[in-house]
PDB file of N, CA and C in Angstrom:
ATOM      1  N   MET A   1       0.830  -1.166   0.017  1.00  0.00           N
ATOM      2  CA  MET A   1      -0.013  -0.016  -0.029  1.00  0.00           C
ATOM      3  C   MET A   1       0.893   1.212   0.041  1.00  0.00           C
ATOM      4  N   ALA A   2       0.438   2.234  -0.732  1.00  0.00           N
ATOM      5  CA  ALA A   2       1.212   3.474  -0.798  1.00  0.00           C
ATOM      6  C   ALA A   2       0.163   4.676  -0.729  1.00  0.00           C
ATOM      7  N   ASN A   3       0.642   5.765  -0.082  1.00  0.00           N
ATOM      8  CA  ASN A   3      -0.185   6.887  -0.029  1.00  0.00           C
ATOM      9  C   ASN A   3       0.285   7.849  -1.035  1.00  0.00           C
ATOM     10  N   ILE A   4      -0.554   8.439  -1.803  1.00  0.00           N
ATOM     11  CA  ILE A   4      -0.157   9.482  -2.824  1.00  0.00           C
ATOM     12  C   ILE A   4      -1.027  10.684  -2.521  1.00  0.00           C
ATOM     13  N   GLN A   5      -0.642  11.865  -3.119  1.00  0.00           N
ATOM     14  CA  GLN A   5      -1.296  13.108  -2.883  1.00  0.00           C
ATOM     15  C   GLN A   5      -1.563  13.758  -4.242  1.00  0.00           C
ATOM     16  N   ILE A   6      -2.701  14.271  -4.381  1.00  0.00           N
ATOM     17  CA  ILE A   6      -3.115  15.060  -5.587  1.00  0.00           C
ATOM     18  C   ILE A   6      -2.410  16.401  -5.437  1.00  0.00           C
ATOM     19  N   ARG A   7      -1.706  16.755  -6.505  1.00  0.00           N
ATOM     20  CA  ARG A   7      -1.002  18.060  -6.437  1.00  0.00           C
ATOM     21  C   ARG A   7      -1.730  18.988  -7.455  1.00  0.00           C
ATOM     22  N   SER A   8      -1.065  20.180  -7.665  1.00  0.00           N
ATOM     23  CA  SER A   8      -1.699  21.131  -8.562  1.00  0.00           C
ATOM     24  C   SER A   8      -1.948  20.580  -9.915  1.00  0.00           C
ATOM     25  N   LYS A   9      -3.025  20.948 -10.495  1.00  0.00           N
ATOM     26  CA  LYS A   9      -3.504  20.468 -11.818  1.00  0.00           C
ATOM     27  C   LYS A   9      -3.797  18.954 -11.832  1.00  0.00           C
ATOM     28  N   GLY A  10      -4.045  18.416 -10.647  1.00  0.00           N
ATOM     29  CA  GLY A  10      -4.454  16.952 -10.516  1.00  0.00           C
ATOM     30  C   GLY A  10      -3.343  15.959 -10.638  1.00  0.00           C
ATOM     31  N   SER A  11      -2.116  16.367 -10.619  1.00  0.00           N
ATOM     32  CA  SER A  11      -0.942  15.491 -10.772  1.00  0.00           C
ATOM     33  C   SER A  11      -0.790  14.598  -9.524  1.00  0.00           C
ATOM     34  N   ILE A  12      -0.432  13.433  -9.705  1.00  0.00           N
ATOM     35  CA  ILE A  12      -0.037  12.545  -8.605  1.00  0.00           C
ATOM     36  C   ILE A  12       1.350  11.920  -8.897  1.00  0.00           C
ATOM     37  N   THR A  13       2.038  11.592  -7.878  1.00  0.00           N
ATOM     38  CA  THR A  13       3.363  10.947  -8.090  1.00  0.00           C
ATOM     39  C   THR A  13       3.286   9.542  -7.514  1.00  0.00           C
ATOM     40  N   LEU A  14       3.669   8.567  -8.356  1.00  0.00           N
ATOM     41  CA  LEU A  14       3.724   7.149  -7.956  1.00  0.00           C
ATOM     42  C   LEU A  14       5.009   6.886  -7.254  1.00  0.00           C
ATOM     43  N   PRO A  15       5.109   6.185  -6.188  1.00  0.00           N
ATOM     44  CA  PRO A  15       6.377   5.932  -5.511  1.00  0.00           C
ATOM     45  C   PRO A  15       7.393   5.273  -6.406  1.00  0.00           C
ATOM     46  N   VAL A  16       8.650   5.655  -6.254  1.00  0.00           N
ATOM     47  CA  VAL A  16       9.710   5.216  -7.087  1.00  0.00           C
ATOM     48  C   VAL A  16       9.827   3.676  -7.192  1.00  0.00           C
ATOM     49  N   ASN A  17       9.591   3.059  -5.982  1.00  0.00           N
ATOM     50  CA  ASN A  17       9.737   1.622  -5.958  1.00  0.00           C
ATOM     51  C   ASN A  17       8.702   0.910  -6.868  1.00  0.00           C
ATOM     52  N   LEU A  18       7.512   1.495  -6.999  1.00  0.00           N
ATOM     53  CA  LEU A  18       6.526   0.945  -7.881  1.00  0.00           C
ATOM     54  C   LEU A  18       6.847   1.303  -9.339  1.00  0.00           C
ATOM     55  N   ARG A  19       7.328   2.462  -9.610  1.00  0.00           N
ATOM     56  CA  ARG A  19       7.768   2.817 -10.978  1.00  0.00           C
ATOM     57  C   ARG A  19       8.833   1.902 -11.536  1.00  0.00           C
ATOM     58  N   ASN A  20       9.812   1.608 -10.581  1.00  0.00           N
ATOM     59  CA  ASN A  20      10.944   0.797 -11.019  1.00  0.00           C
ATOM     60  C   ASN A  20      10.419  -0.715 -11.203  1.00  0.00           C
ATOM     61  N   LYS A  21       9.641  -1.165 -10.264  1.00  0.00           N
ATOM     62  CA  LYS A  21       9.193  -2.613 -10.252  1.00  0.00           C
ATOM     63  C   LYS A  21       8.427  -2.855 -11.570  1.00  0.00           C
ATOM     64  N   TYR A  22       7.576  -1.907 -12.013  1.00  0.00           N
ATOM     65  CA  TYR A  22       6.795  -2.129 -13.131  1.00  0.00           C
ATOM     66  C   TYR A  22       7.159  -1.360 -14.378  1.00  0.00           C
ATOM     67  N   ASP A  23       8.423  -0.918 -14.401  1.00  0.00           N
ATOM     68  CA  ASP A  23       8.941  -0.170 -15.535  1.00  0.00           C
ATOM     69  C   ASP A  23       8.058   0.899 -16.023  1.00  0.00           C
ATOM     70  N   LEU A  24       7.627   1.788 -15.105  1.00  0.00           N
ATOM     71  CA  LEU A  24       6.738   2.887 -15.467  1.00  0.00           C
ATOM     72  C   LEU A  24       7.586   4.141 -15.679  1.00  0.00           C
ATOM     73  N   ASN A  25       7.315   4.880 -16.740  1.00  0.00           N
ATOM     74  CA  ASN A  25       8.124   6.033 -17.051  1.00  0.00           C
ATOM     75  C   ASN A  25       7.225   7.222 -17.351  1.00  0.00           C
ATOM     76  N   GLU A  26       7.874   8.386 -17.379  1.00  0.00           N
ATOM     77  CA  GLU A  26       7.164   9.653 -17.644  1.00  0.00           C
ATOM     78  C   GLU A  26       6.440   9.479 -19.001  1.00  0.00           C
ATOM     79  N   GLY A  27       5.239   9.934 -19.083  1.00  0.00           N
ATOM     80  CA  GLY A  27       4.575   9.814 -20.373  1.00  0.00           C
ATOM     81  C   GLY A  27       3.708   8.584 -20.489  1.00  0.00           C
ATOM     82  N   ASP A  28       3.863   7.579 -19.680  1.00  0.00           N
ATOM     83  CA  ASP A  28       3.016   6.372 -19.743  1.00  0.00           C
ATOM     84  C   ASP A  28       1.626   6.739 -19.490  1.00  0.00           C
ATOM     85  N   VAL A  29       0.761   5.995 -20.162  1.00  0.00           N
ATOM     86  CA  VAL A  29      -0.691   6.254 -20.048  1.00  0.00           C
ATOM     87  C   VAL A  29      -1.327   5.171 -19.177  1.00  0.00           C
ATOM     88  N   PHE A  30      -2.347   5.592 -18.338  1.00  0.00           N
ATOM     89  CA  PHE A  30      -3.034   4.734 -17.417  1.00  0.00           C
ATOM     90  C   PHE A  30      -4.486   4.767 -17.693  1.00  0.00           C
ATOM     91  N   SER A  31      -5.245   3.703 -17.323  1.00  0.00           N
ATOM     92  CA  SER A  31      -6.668   3.654 -17.321  1.00  0.00           C
ATOM     93  C   SER A  31      -7.083   3.798 -15.897  1.00  0.00           C
ATOM     94  N   LEU A  32      -8.030   4.694 -15.623  1.00  0.00           N
ATOM     95  CA  LEU A  32      -8.519   4.925 -14.290  1.00  0.00           C
ATOM     96  C   LEU A  32     -10.012   4.473 -14.330  1.00  0.00           C
ATOM     97  N   ILE A  33     -10.303   3.466 -13.506  1.00  0.00           N
ATOM     98  CA  ILE A  33     -11.653   2.931 -13.501  1.00  0.00           C
ATOM     99  C   ILE A  33     -12.266   3.292 -12.108  1.00  0.00           C
ATOM    100  N   ASP A  34     -13.443   3.963 -12.286  1.00  0.00           N
ATOM    101  CA  ASP A  34     -14.201   4.309 -11.052  1.00  0.00           C
ATOM    102  C   ASP A  34     -14.954   3.136 -10.560  1.00  0.00           C
ATOM    103  N   MET A  35     -14.650   2.524  -9.429  1.00  0.00           N
ATOM    104  CA  MET A  35     -15.291   1.321  -9.011  1.00  0.00           C
ATOM    105  C   MET A  35     -16.692   1.580  -8.398  1.00  0.00           C
ATOM    106  N   GLY A  36     -17.040   2.870  -8.313  1.00  0.00           N
ATOM    107  CA  GLY A  36     -18.401   3.186  -7.922  1.00  0.00           C
ATOM    108  C   GLY A  36     -18.639   3.361  -6.424  1.00  0.00           C
ATOM    109  N   ASP A  37     -17.735   2.983  -5.617  1.00  0.00           N
ATOM    110  CA  ASP A  37     -17.913   3.065  -4.173  1.00  0.00           C
ATOM    111  C   ASP A  37     -16.855   3.976  -3.495  1.00  0.00           C
ATOM    112  N   GLY A  38     -16.334   4.881  -4.311  1.00  0.00           N
ATOM    113  CA  GLY A  38     -15.357   5.794  -3.822  1.00  0.00           C
ATOM    114  C   GLY A  38     -13.874   5.323  -4.072  1.00  0.00           C
ATOM    115  N   SER A  39     -13.768   4.133  -4.604  1.00  0.00           N
ATOM    116  CA  SER A  39     -12.424   3.570  -4.853  1.00  0.00           C
ATOM    117  C   SER A  39     -12.203   3.637  -6.353  1.00  0.00           C
ATOM    118  N   PHE A  40     -10.938   3.605  -6.722  1.00  0.00           N
ATOM    119  CA  PHE A  40     -10.464   3.619  -8.125  1.00  0.00           C
ATOM    120  C   PHE A  40      -9.513   2.482  -8.337  1.00  0.00           C
ATOM    121  N   LEU A  41      -9.444   2.091  -9.637  1.00  0.00           N
ATOM    122  CA  LEU A  41      -8.432   1.179 -10.099  1.00  0.00           C
ATOM    123  C   LEU A  41      -7.594   1.799 -11.117  1.00  0.00           C
ATOM    124  N   LEU A  42      -6.315   1.873 -10.916  1.00  0.00           N
ATOM    125  CA  LEU A  42      -5.389   2.550 -11.832  1.00  0.00           C
ATOM    126  C   LEU A  42      -4.550   1.439 -12.485  1.00  0.00           C
ATOM    127  N   THR A  43      -4.575   1.364 -13.772  1.00  0.00           N
ATOM    128  CA  THR A  43      -3.774   0.307 -14.437  1.00  0.00           C
ATOM    129  C   THR A  43      -3.034   0.907 -15.592  1.00  0.00           C
ATOM    130  N   PRO A  44      -1.753   0.510 -15.799  1.00  0.00           N
ATOM    131  CA  PRO A  44      -1.050   1.037 -17.016  1.00  0.00           C
ATOM    132  C   PRO A  44      -1.701   0.568 -18.229  1.00  0.00           C
ATOM    133  N   LYS A  45      -1.813   1.405 -19.174  1.00  0.00           N
ATOM    134  CA  LYS A  45      -2.275   1.050 -20.516  1.00  0.00           C
ATOM    135  C   LYS A  45      -1.121   0.890 -21.438  1.00  0.00           C
ATOM    136  N   ARG A  46      -0.699  -0.328 -21.609  1.00  0.00           N
ATOM    137  CA  ARG A  46       0.459  -0.569 -22.552  1.00  0.00           C
ATOM    138  C   ARG A  46       0.091  -0.550 -23.983  1.00  0.00           C
ATOM    139  N   SER A  47       0.944   0.051 -24.795  1.00  0.00           N
ATOM    140  CA  SER A  47       0.789   0.047 -26.243  1.00  0.00           C
ATOM    141  C   SER A  47       1.113  -1.375 -26.721  1.00  0.00           C
ATOM    142  N   GLU A  48       0.158  -1.820 -27.643  1.00  0.00           N
ATOM    143  CA  GLU A  48       0.447  -3.137 -28.185  1.00  0.00           C
ATOM    144  C   GLU A  48       1.655  -3.102 -29.105  1.00  0.00           C
ATOM    145  N   ILE A  49       1.893  -2.013 -29.725  1.00  0.00           N
ATOM    146  CA  ILE A  49       3.044  -1.830 -30.630  1.00  0.00           C
ATOM    147  C   ILE A  49       4.340  -1.987 -29.828  1.00  0.00           C
ATOM    148  N   LYS A  50       4.344  -1.221 -28.627  1.00  0.00           N
ATOM    149  CA  LYS A  50       5.496  -1.303 -27.802  1.00  0.00           C
ATOM    150  C   LYS A  50       5.728  -2.732 -27.224  1.00  0.00           C
ATOM    151  N   ARG A  51       4.712  -3.332 -26.835  1.00  0.00           N
ATOM    152  CA  ARG A  51       4.753  -4.752 -26.256  1.00  0.00           C
ATOM    153  C   ARG A  51       5.214  -5.633 -27.327  1.00  0.00           C
ATOM    154  N   LEU A  52       4.759  -5.575 -28.520  1.00  0.00           N
ATOM    155  CA  LEU A  52       5.225  -6.456 -29.644  1.00  0.00           C
ATOM    156  C   LEU A  52       6.657  -6.116 -30.053  1.00  0.00           C
ATOM    157  N   GLY A  53       6.985  -4.883 -30.018  1.00  0.00           N
ATOM    158  CA  GLY A  53       8.348  -4.473 -30.313  1.00  0.00           C
ATOM    159  C   GLY A  53       9.353  -4.963 -29.235  1.00  0.00           C
ATOM    160  N   ASP A  54       8.952  -4.952 -27.983  1.00  0.00           N
ATOM    161  CA  ASP A  54       9.813  -5.453 -26.910  1.00  0.00           C
ATOM    162  C   ASP A  54       9.980  -6.954 -27.096  1.00  0.00           C
ATOM    163  N   LYS A  55       8.907  -7.656 -27.484  1.00  0.00           N
ATOM    164  CA  LYS A  55       8.915  -9.042 -27.636  1.00  0.00           C
ATOM    165  C   LYS A  55       9.865  -9.429 -28.821  1.00  0.00           C
ATOM    166  N   LEU A  56       9.731  -8.721 -29.892  1.00  0.00           N
ATOM    167  CA  LEU A  56      10.540  -8.969 -31.037  1.00  0.00           C
ATOM    168  C   LEU A  56      12.031  -8.700 -30.699  1.00  0.00           C
ATOM    169  N   THR A  57      12.297  -7.693 -29.968  1.00  0.00           N
ATOM    170  CA  THR A  57      13.695  -7.389 -29.540  1.00  0.00           C
ATOM    171  C   THR A  57      14.261  -8.524 -28.779  1.00  0.00           C
ATOM    172  N   THR A  58      13.474  -9.032 -27.837  1.00  0.00           N
ATOM    173  CA  THR A  58      13.948 -10.195 -26.963  1.00  0.00           C
ATOM    174  C   THR A  58      14.251 -11.350 -27.865  1.00  0.00           C
ATOM    175  N   VAL A  59      13.419 -11.723 -28.877  1.00  0.00           N
ATOM    176  CA  VAL A  59      13.598 -12.798 -29.716  1.00  0.00           C
ATOM    177  C   VAL A  59      14.896 -12.656 -30.556  1.00  0.00           C
ATOM    178  N   LEU A  60      14.989 -11.422 -31.118  1.00  0.00           N
ATOM    179  CA  LEU A  60      16.168 -11.148 -32.003  1.00  0.00           C
ATOM    180  C   LEU A  60      17.476 -11.198 -31.181  1.00  0.00           C
ATOM    181  N   ASP A  61      17.490 -10.713 -29.963  1.00  0.00           N
ATOM    182  CA  ASP A  61      18.620 -10.822 -29.150  1.00  0.00           C
ATOM    183  C   ASP A  61      18.976 -12.261 -28.759  1.00  0.00           C
ATOM    184  N   ALA A  62      17.975 -13.018 -28.474  1.00  0.00           N
ATOM    185  CA  ALA A  62      18.161 -14.426 -28.093  1.00  0.00           C
ATOM    186  C   ALA A  62      18.718 -15.248 -29.216  1.00  0.00           C
ATOM    187  N   GLU A  63      18.252 -14.948 -30.418  1.00  0.00           N
ATOM    188  CA  GLU A  63      18.678 -15.713 -31.638  1.00  0.00           C
ATOM    189  C   GLU A  63      19.860 -15.035 -32.365  1.00  0.00           C
ATOM    190  N   ASN A  64      20.322 -13.931 -31.748  1.00  0.00           N
ATOM    191  CA  ASN A  64      21.520 -13.194 -32.288  1.00  0.00           C
ATOM    192  C   ASN A  64      21.264 -12.808 -33.776  1.00  0.00           C
ATOM    193  N   ILE A  65      20.049 -12.231 -34.024  1.00  0.00           N
ATOM    194  CA  ILE A  65      19.746 -11.813 -35.381  1.00  0.00           C
ATOM    195  C   ILE A  65      19.619 -10.290 -35.348  1.00  0.00           C
ATOM    196  N   SER A  66      20.333  -9.698 -36.336  1.00  0.00           N
ATOM    197  CA  SER A  66      20.227  -8.167 -36.451  1.00  0.00           C
ATOM    198  C   SER A  66      18.900  -7.808 -37.152  1.00  0.00           C
ATOM    199  N   LEU A  67      18.593  -6.534 -36.986  1.00  0.00           N
ATOM    200  CA  LEU A  67      17.420  -5.986 -37.560  1.00  0.00           C
ATOM    201  C   LEU A  67      17.589  -6.107 -39.142  1.00  0.00           C
ATOM    202  N   ASP A  68      18.680  -5.766 -39.649  1.00  0.00           N
ATOM    203  CA  ASP A  68      18.957  -5.846 -41.122  1.00  0.00           C
ATOM    204  C   ASP A  68      18.702  -7.293 -41.551  1.00  0.00           C
ATOM    205  N   GLU A  69      19.128  -8.319 -40.867  1.00  0.00           N
ATOM    206  CA  GLU A  69      19.002  -9.665 -41.254  1.00  0.00           C
ATOM    207  C   GLU A  69      17.489 -10.022 -41.241  1.00  0.00           C
ATOM    208  N   LEU A  70      16.755  -9.586 -40.244  1.00  0.00           N
ATOM    209  CA  LEU A  70      15.326  -9.846 -40.187  1.00  0.00           C
ATOM    210  C   LEU A  70      14.633  -9.133 -41.408  1.00  0.00           C
ATOM    211  N   LEU A  71      14.966  -7.916 -41.692  1.00  0.00           N
ATOM    212  CA  LEU A  71      14.272  -7.219 -42.787  1.00  0.00           C
ATOM    213  C   LEU A  71      14.644  -7.920 -44.145  1.00  0.00           C
ATOM    214  N   ASN A  72      15.826  -8.361 -44.329  1.00  0.00           N
ATOM    215  CA  ASN A  72      16.258  -9.045 -45.508  1.00  0.00           C
ATOM    216  C   ASN A  72      15.461 -10.378 -45.684  1.00  0.00           C
ATOM    217  N   GLY A  73      15.394 -11.057 -44.528  1.00  0.00           N
ATOM    218  CA  GLY A  73      14.614 -12.305 -44.482  1.00  0.00           C
ATOM    219  C   GLY A  73      13.159 -12.101 -44.861  1.00  0.00           C
ATOM    220  N   LEU A  74      12.640 -11.035 -44.367  1.00  0.00           N
ATOM    221  CA  LEU A  74      11.166 -10.762 -44.724  1.00  0.00           C
ATOM    222  C   LEU A  74      10.988 -10.398 -46.236  1.00  0.00           C
ATOM    223  N   ASP A  75      11.982  -9.662 -46.759  1.00  0.00           N
ATOM    224  CA  ASP A  75      11.945  -9.410 -48.206  1.00  0.00           C
ATOM    225  C   ASP A  75      11.988 -10.663 -48.974  1.00  0.00           C
ATOM    226  N   GLU A  76      12.868 -11.563 -48.630  1.00  0.00           N
ATOM    227  CA  GLU A  76      12.987 -12.819 -49.334  1.00  0.00           C
ATOM    228  C   GLU A  76      11.726 -13.647 -49.195  1.00  0.00           C
ATOM    229  N   GLU A  77      11.165 -13.695 -48.030  1.00  0.00           N
ATOM    230  CA  GLU A  77       9.953 -14.499 -47.776  1.00  0.00           C
ATOM    231  C   GLU A  77       8.745 -13.860 -48.583  1.00  0.00           C
ATOM    232  N   ARG A  78       8.719 -12.591 -48.658  1.00  0.00           N
ATOM    233  CA  ARG A  78       7.691 -11.870 -49.453  1.00  0.00           C
ATOM    234  C   ARG A  78       7.770 -12.222 -50.930  1.00  0.00           C
ATOM    235  N   GLU A  79       9.009 -12.189 -51.412  1.00  0.00           N
ATOM    236  CA  GLU A  79       9.230 -12.603 -52.862  1.00  0.00           C
ATOM    237  C   GLU A  79       8.821 -13.998 -53.082  1.00  0.00           C
ATOM    238  N   ARG A  80       9.169 -14.949 -52.195  1.00  0.00           N
ATOM    239  CA  ARG A  80       8.785 -16.368 -52.378  1.00  0.00           C
ATOM    240  C   ARG A  80       7.260 -16.461 -52.395  1.00  0.00           C
ATOM    241  N   TYR A  81       6.624 -15.758 -51.457  1.00  0.00           N
ATOM    242  CA  TYR A  81       5.193 -15.817 -51.387  1.00  0.00           C
ATOM    243  C   TYR A  81       4.540 -15.317 -52.658  1.00  0.00           C
ATOM    244  N   TYR A  82       4.985 -14.249 -53.166  1.00  0.00           N
ATOM    245  CA  TYR A  82       4.510 -13.702 -54.409  1.00  0.00           C
ATOM    246  C   TYR A  82       4.685 -14.681 -55.542  1.00  0.00           C
ATOM    247  N   GLN A  83       5.862 -15.254 -55.602  1.00  0.00           N
ATOM    248  CA  GLN A  83       6.110 -16.208 -56.708  1.00  0.00           C
ATOM    249  C   GLN A  83       5.196 -17.433 -56.608  1.00  0.00           C
ATOM    250  N   ASP A  84       5.003 -17.924 -55.448  1.00  0.00           N
ATOM    251  CA  ASP A  84       4.129 -19.103 -55.261  1.00  0.00           C
ATOM    252  C   ASP A  84       2.733 -18.821 -55.568  1.00  0.00           C
ATOM    253  N   ARG A  85       2.220 -17.616 -55.179  1.00  0.00           N
ATOM    254  CA  ARG A  85       0.849 -17.312 -55.350  1.00  0.00           C
ATOM    255  C   ARG A  85       0.452 -16.648 -56.665  1.00  0.00           C
ATOM    256  N   TYR A  86       1.283 -15.708 -57.211  1.00  0.00           N
ATOM    257  CA  TYR A  86       0.834 -14.833 -58.264  1.00  0.00           C
ATOM    258  C   TYR A  86       1.660 -14.919 -59.552  1.00  0.00           C
ATOM    259  N   ALA A  87       2.906 -15.373 -59.466  1.00  0.00           N
ATOM    260  CA  ALA A  87       3.738 -15.400 -60.634  1.00  0.00           C
ATOM    261  C   ALA A  87       3.227 -16.453 -61.645  1.00  0.00           C
ATOM    262  N   HIS A  88       3.191 -16.125 -62.890  1.00  0.00           N
ATOM    263  CA  HIS A  88       2.742 -17.131 -63.887  1.00  0.00           C
ATOM    264  C   HIS A  88       3.944 -17.599 -64.657  1.00  0.00           C
ATOM    265  N   PRO A  89       3.964 -18.876 -65.024  1.00  0.00           N
ATOM    266  CA  PRO A  89       5.106 -19.447 -65.752  1.00  0.00           C
ATOM    267  C   PRO A  89       5.301 -18.971 -67.186  1.00  0.00           C
TER     268      PRO A  89
END
């Protein structure tokens, strides 16, 4: 449990231990749900693009694949797909 205070213009500050624990940074967006009984639920609203980008970075690092190698592989796969589906003999 942590106590926070509403400051000017409605700003609140989350304790540093929670920001570090959940990798929260300036500019992050949250959803605030009014529970209807005077309590609120505050949850980080993660961008799907950021989540997928982070996942891709993890996989690339684990497989030791560079971004250029990935993009070249995608170009090759796209060409194979085109040839298989649309190219006429």
